[in-house]
PDB file of all heavy atoms in Angstrom:
ATOM      1  N   LEU A   1       0.826  -1.201   0.000  1.00  0.00           N
ATOM      2  CA  LEU A   1       0.000   0.000   0.000  1.00  0.00           C
ATOM      3  C   LEU A   1       0.864   1.257   0.000  1.00  0.00           C
ATOM      4  O   LEU A   1       0.609   2.207  -0.744  1.00  0.00           O
ATOM      5  CB  LEU A   1      -0.928  -0.005   1.218  1.00  0.00           C
ATOM      6  CG  LEU A   1      -1.871   1.208   1.342  1.00  0.00           C
ATOM      7  CD1 LEU A   1      -2.771   1.308   0.124  1.00  0.00           C
ATOM      8  CD2 LEU A   1      -2.686   1.107   2.623  1.00  0.00           C
ATOM      9  N   ARG A   2       1.925   1.246   0.835  1.00  0.00           N
ATOM     10  CA  ARG A   2       2.814   2.406   0.871  1.00  0.00           C
ATOM     11  C   ARG A   2       3.456   2.642  -0.496  1.00  0.00           C
ATOM     12  O   ARG A   2       3.564   3.783  -0.957  1.00  0.00           O
ATOM     13  CB  ARG A   2       3.896   2.203   1.940  1.00  0.00           C
ATOM     14  CG  ARG A   2       3.409   2.379   3.362  1.00  0.00           C
ATOM     15  CD  ARG A   2       4.590   2.589   4.298  1.00  0.00           C
ATOM     16  NE  ARG A   2       5.478   1.449   4.302  1.00  0.00           N
ATOM     17  CZ  ARG A   2       5.361   0.412   5.119  1.00  0.00           C
ATOM     18  NH1 ARG A   2       4.377   0.376   5.997  1.00  0.00           N
ATOM     19  NH2 ARG A   2       6.221  -0.589   5.064  1.00  0.00           N
ATOM     20  N   ARG A   3       3.887   1.560  -1.125  1.00  0.00           N
ATOM     21  CA  ARG A   3       4.531   1.710  -2.432  1.00  0.00           C
ATOM     22  C   ARG A   3       3.532   2.205  -3.478  1.00  0.00           C
ATOM     23  O   ARG A   3       3.884   2.995  -4.353  1.00  0.00           O
ATOM     24  CB  ARG A   3       5.156   0.387  -2.876  1.00  0.00           C
ATOM     25  CG  ARG A   3       6.372   0.011  -2.045  1.00  0.00           C
ATOM     26  CD  ARG A   3       7.171  -1.084  -2.692  1.00  0.00           C
ATOM     27  NE  ARG A   3       8.380  -1.364  -1.946  1.00  0.00           N
ATOM     28  CZ  ARG A   3       9.397  -2.077  -2.413  1.00  0.00           C
ATOM     29  NH1 ARG A   3       9.359  -2.561  -3.622  1.00  0.00           N
ATOM     30  NH2 ARG A   3      10.455  -2.303  -1.666  1.00  0.00           N
ATOM     31  N   PHE A   4       2.304   1.731  -3.375  1.00  0.00           N
ATOM     32  CA  PHE A   4       1.304   2.162  -4.349  1.00  0.00           C
ATOM     33  C   PHE A   4       1.003   3.646  -4.191  1.00  0.00           C
ATOM     34  O   PHE A   4       0.889   4.385  -5.178  1.00  0.00           O
ATOM     35  CB  PHE A   4       0.025   1.340  -4.183  1.00  0.00           C
ATOM     36  CG  PHE A   4      -1.027   1.666  -5.201  1.00  0.00           C
ATOM     37  CD1 PHE A   4      -0.847   1.314  -6.532  1.00  0.00           C
ATOM     38  CD2 PHE A   4      -2.179   2.341  -4.854  1.00  0.00           C
ATOM     39  CE1 PHE A   4      -1.807   1.611  -7.482  1.00  0.00           C
ATOM     40  CE2 PHE A   4      -3.131   2.646  -5.796  1.00  0.00           C
ATOM     41  CZ  PHE A   4      -2.949   2.286  -7.109  1.00  0.00           C
ATOM     42  N   ILE A   5       0.911   4.113  -2.933  1.00  0.00           N
ATOM     43  CA  ILE A   5       0.702   5.539  -2.701  1.00  0.00           C
ATOM     44  C   ILE A   5       1.881   6.344  -3.239  1.00  0.00           C
ATOM     45  O   ILE A   5       1.726   7.395  -3.861  1.00  0.00           O
ATOM     46  CB  ILE A   5       0.491   5.807  -1.204  1.00  0.00           C
ATOM     47  CG1 ILE A   5      -0.834   5.187  -0.744  1.00  0.00           C
ATOM     48  CG2 ILE A   5       0.504   7.306  -0.908  1.00  0.00           C
ATOM     49  CD1 ILE A   5      -1.057   5.241   0.750  1.00  0.00           C
ATOM     50  N   PHE A   6       3.087   5.805  -3.023  1.00  0.00           N
ATOM     51  CA  PHE A   6       4.289   6.484  -3.541  1.00  0.00           C
ATOM     52  C   PHE A   6       4.231   6.586  -5.055  1.00  0.00           C
ATOM     53  O   PHE A   6       4.598   7.614  -5.638  1.00  0.00           O
ATOM     54  CB  PHE A   6       5.540   5.721  -3.114  1.00  0.00           C
ATOM     55  CG  PHE A   6       6.802   6.297  -3.673  1.00  0.00           C
ATOM     56  CD1 PHE A   6       7.409   7.385  -3.079  1.00  0.00           C
ATOM     57  CD2 PHE A   6       7.365   5.775  -4.830  1.00  0.00           C
ATOM     58  CE1 PHE A   6       8.558   7.933  -3.606  1.00  0.00           C
ATOM     59  CE2 PHE A   6       8.518   6.315  -5.365  1.00  0.00           C
ATOM     60  CZ  PHE A   6       9.116   7.398  -4.751  1.00  0.00           C
ATOM     61  N   LEU A   7       3.755   5.516  -5.706  1.00  0.00           N
ATOM     62  CA  LEU A   7       3.653   5.530  -7.158  1.00  0.00           C
ATOM     63  C   LEU A   7       2.687   6.622  -7.624  1.00  0.00           C
ATOM     64  O   LEU A   7       2.946   7.306  -8.620  1.00  0.00           O
ATOM     65  CB  LEU A   7       3.184   4.171  -7.674  1.00  0.00           C
ATOM     66  CG  LEU A   7       4.148   3.005  -7.468  1.00  0.00           C
ATOM     67  CD1 LEU A   7       3.498   1.713  -7.943  1.00  0.00           C
ATOM     68  CD2 LEU A   7       5.438   3.249  -8.200  1.00  0.00           C
ATOM     69  N   LEU A   8       1.582   6.780  -6.913  1.00  0.00           N
ATOM     70  CA  LEU A   8       0.630   7.813  -7.298  1.00  0.00           C
ATOM     71  C   LEU A   8       1.257   9.199  -7.175  1.00  0.00           C
ATOM     72  O   LEU A   8       1.083  10.064  -8.038  1.00  0.00           O
ATOM     73  CB  LEU A   8      -0.619   7.714  -6.420  1.00  0.00           C
ATOM     74  CG  LEU A   8      -1.493   6.477  -6.607  1.00  0.00           C
ATOM     75  CD1 LEU A   8      -2.660   6.502  -5.630  1.00  0.00           C
ATOM     76  CD2 LEU A   8      -1.998   6.369  -8.034  1.00  0.00           C
ATOM     77  N   ILE A   9       2.010   9.413  -6.077  1.00  0.00           N
ATOM     78  CA  ILE A   9       2.671  10.700  -5.901  1.00  0.00           C
ATOM     79  C   ILE A   9       3.692  10.923  -7.000  1.00  0.00           C
ATOM     80  O   ILE A   9       3.782  11.996  -7.600  1.00  0.00           O
ATOM     81  CB  ILE A   9       3.339  10.764  -4.514  1.00  0.00           C
ATOM     82  CG1 ILE A   9       2.266  10.699  -3.416  1.00  0.00           C
ATOM     83  CG2 ILE A   9       4.175  12.032  -4.372  1.00  0.00           C
ATOM     84  CD1 ILE A   9       2.830  10.555  -2.020  1.00  0.00           C
ATOM     85  N   LEU A  10       4.487   9.864  -7.279  1.00  0.00           N
ATOM     86  CA  LEU A  10       5.516   9.979  -8.311  1.00  0.00           C
ATOM     87  C   LEU A  10       4.902  10.253  -9.668  1.00  0.00           C
ATOM     88  O   LEU A  10       5.419  11.058 -10.443  1.00  0.00           O
ATOM     89  CB  LEU A  10       6.346   8.691  -8.368  1.00  0.00           C
ATOM     90  CG  LEU A  10       7.455   8.653  -9.414  1.00  0.00           C
ATOM     91  CD1 LEU A  10       8.500   9.718  -9.093  1.00  0.00           C
ATOM     92  CD2 LEU A  10       8.093   7.282  -9.483  1.00  0.00           C
ATOM     93  N   ALA A  11       3.790   9.597  -9.953  1.00  0.00           N
ATOM     94  CA  ALA A  11       3.135   9.821 -11.244  1.00  0.00           C
ATOM     95  C   ALA A  11       2.749  11.287 -11.405  1.00  0.00           C
ATOM     96  O   ALA A  11       2.903  11.876 -12.470  1.00  0.00           O
ATOM     97  CB  ALA A  11       1.902   8.930 -11.367  1.00  0.00           C
ATOM     98  N   GLY A  12       2.269  11.894 -10.315  1.00  0.00           N
ATOM     99  CA  GLY A  12       1.943  13.312 -10.377  1.00  0.00           C
ATOM    100  C   GLY A  12       3.152  14.166 -10.618  1.00  0.00           C
ATOM    101  O   GLY A  12       3.115  15.123 -11.389  1.00  0.00           O
ATOM    102  N   LEU A  13       4.271  13.814  -9.966  1.00  0.00           N
ATOM    103  CA  LEU A  13       5.502  14.574 -10.164  1.00  0.00           C
ATOM    104  C   LEU A  13       5.990  14.452 -11.591  1.00  0.00           C
ATOM    105  O   LEU A  13       6.423  15.428 -12.206  1.00  0.00           O
ATOM    106  CB  LEU A  13       6.577  14.082  -9.190  1.00  0.00           C
ATOM    107  CG  LEU A  13       6.365  14.457  -7.716  1.00  0.00           C
ATOM    108  CD1 LEU A  13       7.397  13.723  -6.863  1.00  0.00           C
ATOM    109  CD2 LEU A  13       6.476  15.945  -7.507  1.00  0.00           C
ATOM    110  N   LEU A  14       5.949  13.227 -12.129  1.00  0.00           N
ATOM    111  CA  LEU A  14       6.439  13.021 -13.485  1.00  0.00           C
ATOM    112  C   LEU A  14       5.560  13.753 -14.499  1.00  0.00           C
ATOM    113  O   LEU A  14       6.058  14.303 -15.470  1.00  0.00           O
ATOM    114  CB  LEU A  14       6.483  11.525 -13.803  1.00  0.00           C
ATOM    115  CG  LEU A  14       7.545  10.733 -13.034  1.00  0.00           C
ATOM    116  CD1 LEU A  14       7.428   9.259 -13.378  1.00  0.00           C
ATOM    117  CD2 LEU A  14       8.939  11.234 -13.339  1.00  0.00           C
ATOM    118  N   ARG A  15       4.254  13.750 -14.243  1.00  0.00           N
ATOM    119  CA  ARG A  15       3.381  14.488 -15.162  1.00  0.00           C
ATOM    120  C   ARG A  15       3.704  15.976 -15.129  1.00  0.00           C
ATOM    121  O   ARG A  15       3.641  16.666 -16.135  1.00  0.00           O
ATOM    122  CB  ARG A  15       1.907  14.256 -14.794  1.00  0.00           C
ATOM    123  CG  ARG A  15       1.368  12.912 -15.223  1.00  0.00           C
ATOM    124  CD  ARG A  15      -0.147  12.926 -15.180  1.00  0.00           C
ATOM    125  NE  ARG A  15      -0.635  13.202 -13.830  1.00  0.00           N
ATOM    126  CZ  ARG A  15      -0.878  12.255 -12.936  1.00  0.00           C
ATOM    127  NH1 ARG A  15      -0.654  10.992 -13.207  1.00  0.00           N
ATOM    128  NH2 ARG A  15      -1.335  12.579 -11.738  1.00  0.00           N
ATOM    129  N   GLY A  16       4.092  16.460 -13.940  1.00  0.00           N
ATOM    130  CA  GLY A  16       4.417  17.870 -13.821  1.00  0.00           C
ATOM    131  C   GLY A  16       5.679  18.260 -14.541  1.00  0.00           C
ATOM    132  O   GLY A  16       5.920  19.434 -14.783  1.00  0.00           O
ATOM    133  N   SER A  17       6.517  17.263 -14.884  1.00  0.00           N
ATOM    134  CA  SER A  17       7.771  17.585 -15.552  1.00  0.00           C
ATOM    135  C   SER A  17       7.617  17.691 -17.055  1.00  0.00           C
ATOM    136  O   SER A  17       8.568  17.997 -17.751  1.00  0.00           O
ATOM    137  CB  SER A  17       8.822  16.505 -15.231  1.00  0.00           C
ATOM    138  OG  SER A  17       8.483  15.289 -15.854  1.00  0.00           O
ATOM    139  N   ILE A  18       6.433  17.418 -17.550  1.00  0.00           N
ATOM    140  CA  ILE A  18       6.205  17.444 -18.993  1.00  0.00           C
ATOM    141  C   ILE A  18       5.561  18.772 -19.377  1.00  0.00           C
ATOM    142  O   ILE A  18       4.581  19.187 -18.769  1.00  0.00           O
ATOM    143  CB  ILE A  18       5.315  16.262 -19.424  1.00  0.00           C
ATOM    144  CG1 ILE A  18       6.024  14.944 -19.086  1.00  0.00           C
ATOM    145  CG2 ILE A  18       4.997  16.320 -20.896  1.00  0.00           C
ATOM    146  CD1 ILE A  18       5.174  13.731 -19.347  1.00  0.00           C
ATOM    147  N   LEU A  19       6.131  19.432 -20.353  1.00  0.00           N
ATOM    148  CA  LEU A  19       5.605  20.722 -20.768  1.00  0.00           C
ATOM    149  C   LEU A  19       4.269  20.553 -21.477  1.00  0.00           C
ATOM    150  O   LEU A  19       3.992  19.514 -22.092  1.00  0.00           O
ATOM    151  CB  LEU A  19       6.602  21.402 -21.699  1.00  0.00           C
ATOM    152  CG  LEU A  19       7.965  21.724 -21.083  1.00  0.00           C
ATOM    153  CD1 LEU A  19       8.867  22.315 -22.162  1.00  0.00           C
ATOM    154  CD2 LEU A  19       7.828  22.682 -19.923  1.00  0.00           C
ATOM    155  N   PRO A  20       3.396  21.574 -21.419  1.00  0.00           N
ATOM    156  CA  PRO A  20       2.120  21.497 -22.131  1.00  0.00           C
ATOM    157  C   PRO A  20       2.355  21.324 -23.626  1.00  0.00           C
ATOM    158  O   PRO A  20       3.344  21.812 -24.174  1.00  0.00           O
ATOM    159  CB  PRO A  20       1.471  22.861 -21.822  1.00  0.00           C
ATOM    160  CG  PRO A  20       2.182  23.375 -20.620  1.00  0.00           C
ATOM    161  CD  PRO A  20       3.559  22.820 -20.679  1.00  0.00           C
ATOM    162  N   PRO A  21       1.448  20.632 -24.313  1.00  0.00           N
ATOM    163  CA  PRO A  21       1.633  20.433 -25.750  1.00  0.00           C
ATOM    164  C   PRO A  21       1.580  21.749 -26.497  1.00  0.00           C
ATOM    165  O   PRO A  21       0.826  22.660 -26.154  1.00  0.00           O
ATOM    166  CB  PRO A  21       0.456  19.522 -26.129  1.00  0.00           C
ATOM    167  CG  PRO A  21      -0.556  19.718 -25.043  1.00  0.00           C
ATOM    168  CD  PRO A  21       0.231  19.997 -23.803  1.00  0.00           C
ATOM    169  N   THR A  22       2.400  21.847 -27.524  1.00  0.00           N
ATOM    170  CA  THR A  22       2.427  23.038 -28.359  1.00  0.00           C
ATOM    171  C   THR A  22       1.595  22.785 -29.608  1.00  0.00           C
ATOM    172  O   THR A  22       1.143  21.672 -29.873  1.00  0.00           O
ATOM    173  CB  THR A  22       3.870  23.365 -28.756  1.00  0.00           C
ATOM    174  OG1 THR A  22       4.383  22.258 -29.537  1.00  0.00           O
ATOM    175  CG2 THR A  22       4.759  23.542 -27.533  1.00  0.00           C
ATOM    176  N   ASP A  23       1.413  23.843 -30.412  1.00  0.00           N
ATOM    177  CA  ASP A  23       0.731  23.671 -31.689  1.00  0.00           C
ATOM    178  C   ASP A  23       1.487  22.673 -32.563  1.00  0.00           C
ATOM    179  O   ASP A  23       0.880  21.876 -33.285  1.00  0.00           O
ATOM    180  CB  ASP A  23       0.621  25.026 -32.399  1.00  0.00           C
ATOM    181  CG  ASP A  23      -0.353  25.960 -31.700  1.00  0.00           C
ATOM    182  OD1 ASP A  23      -1.180  25.462 -30.919  1.00  0.00           O
ATOM    183  OD2 ASP A  23      -0.278  27.177 -31.939  1.00  0.00           O
ATOM    184  N   GLN A  24       2.833  22.721 -32.501  1.00  0.00           N
ATOM    185  CA  GLN A  24       3.639  21.772 -33.270  1.00  0.00           C
ATOM    186  C   GLN A  24       3.343  20.339 -32.834  1.00  0.00           C
ATOM    187  O   GLN A  24       3.223  19.435 -33.667  1.00  0.00           O
ATOM    188  CB  GLN A  24       5.127  22.085 -33.070  1.00  0.00           C
ATOM    189  CG  GLN A  24       6.069  21.048 -33.638  1.00  0.00           C
ATOM    190  CD  GLN A  24       6.387  21.285 -35.095  1.00  0.00           C
ATOM    191  OE1 GLN A  24       5.586  21.899 -35.802  1.00  0.00           O
ATOM    192  NE2 GLN A  24       7.536  20.813 -35.534  1.00  0.00           N
ATOM    193  N   THR A  25       3.218  20.117 -31.522  1.00  0.00           N
ATOM    194  CA  THR A  25       2.903  18.782 -31.010  1.00  0.00           C
ATOM    195  C   THR A  25       1.602  18.276 -31.615  1.00  0.00           C
ATOM    196  O   THR A  25       1.511  17.128 -32.064  1.00  0.00           O
ATOM    197  CB  THR A  25       2.798  18.804 -29.476  1.00  0.00           C
ATOM    198  OG1 THR A  25       4.020  19.280 -28.920  1.00  0.00           O
ATOM    199  CG2 THR A  25       2.496  17.421 -28.936  1.00  0.00           C
ATOM    200  N   GLU A  26       0.593  19.114 -31.608  1.00  0.00           N
ATOM    201  CA  GLU A  26      -0.706  18.691 -32.128  1.00  0.00           C
ATOM    202  C   GLU A  26      -0.651  18.438 -33.625  1.00  0.00           C
ATOM    203  O   GLU A  26      -1.317  17.532 -34.141  1.00  0.00           O
ATOM    204  CB  GLU A  26      -1.772  19.744 -31.794  1.00  0.00           C
ATOM    205  CG  GLU A  26      -2.080  19.839 -30.303  1.00  0.00           C
ATOM    206  CD  GLU A  26      -2.447  18.483 -29.715  1.00  0.00           C
ATOM    207  OE1 GLU A  26      -3.251  17.758 -30.328  1.00  0.00           O
ATOM    208  OE2 GLU A  26      -1.907  18.146 -28.649  1.00  0.00           O
ATOM    209  N   ARG A  27       0.156  19.216 -34.349  1.00  0.00           N
ATOM    210  CA  ARG A  27       0.283  18.978 -35.787  1.00  0.00           C
ATOM    211  C   ARG A  27       0.966  17.635 -36.057  1.00  0.00           C
ATOM    212  O   ARG A  27       0.578  16.906 -36.974  1.00  0.00           O
ATOM    213  CB  ARG A  27       1.066  20.126 -36.438  1.00  0.00           C
ATOM    214  CG  ARG A  27       0.301  21.424 -36.543  1.00  0.00           C
ATOM    215  CD  ARG A  27       0.968  22.392 -37.514  1.00  0.00           C
ATOM    216  NE  ARG A  27       2.254  22.849 -37.024  1.00  0.00           N
ATOM    217  CZ  ARG A  27       2.431  23.946 -36.285  1.00  0.00           C
ATOM    218  NH1 ARG A  27       1.388  24.684 -35.949  1.00  0.00           N
ATOM    219  NH2 ARG A  27       3.642  24.301 -35.883  1.00  0.00           N
ATOM    220  N   VAL A  28       1.988  17.317 -35.251  1.00  0.00           N
ATOM    221  CA  VAL A  28       2.644  16.014 -35.412  1.00  0.00           C
ATOM    222  C   VAL A  28       1.695  14.884 -35.044  1.00  0.00           C
ATOM    223  O   VAL A  28       1.602  13.867 -35.744  1.00  0.00           O
ATOM    224  CB  VAL A  28       3.930  15.955 -34.552  1.00  0.00           C
ATOM    225  CG1 VAL A  28       4.502  14.542 -34.545  1.00  0.00           C
ATOM    226  CG2 VAL A  28       4.968  16.947 -35.067  1.00  0.00           C
ATOM    227  N   ARG A  29       0.941  15.060 -33.969  1.00  0.00           N
ATOM    228  CA  ARG A  29       0.055  13.986 -33.494  1.00  0.00           C
ATOM    229  C   ARG A  29      -1.114  13.746 -34.441  1.00  0.00           C
ATOM    230  O   ARG A  29      -1.754  12.696 -34.372  1.00  0.00           O
ATOM    231  CB  ARG A  29      -0.451  14.296 -32.092  1.00  0.00           C
ATOM    232  CG  ARG A  29       0.641  14.222 -31.021  1.00  0.00           C
ATOM    233  CD  ARG A  29       0.061  14.113 -29.638  1.00  0.00           C
ATOM    234  NE  ARG A  29      -0.671  12.863 -29.485  1.00  0.00           N
ATOM    235  CZ  ARG A  29      -1.762  12.747 -28.728  1.00  0.00           C
ATOM    236  NH1 ARG A  29      -2.254  13.794 -28.085  1.00  0.00           N
ATOM    237  NH2 ARG A  29      -2.369  11.583 -28.616  1.00  0.00           N
ATOM    238  N   ALA A  30      -1.367  14.677 -35.319  1.00  0.00           N
ATOM    239  CA  ALA A  30      -2.387  14.421 -36.331  1.00  0.00           C
ATOM    240  C   ALA A  30      -2.008  13.214 -37.186  1.00  0.00           C
ATOM    241  O   ALA A  30      -2.880  12.508 -37.720  1.00  0.00           O
ATOM    242  CB  ALA A  30      -2.577  15.658 -37.209  1.00  0.00           C
TER     243      ALA A  30
END
């Protein structure tokens, strides 16, 4: 349980390290 909670916290931190998508990102993802 402790490790799972840690994973949830880490997932939030990792998501925070990713910059918001740019217009270029969306054009590539098309």
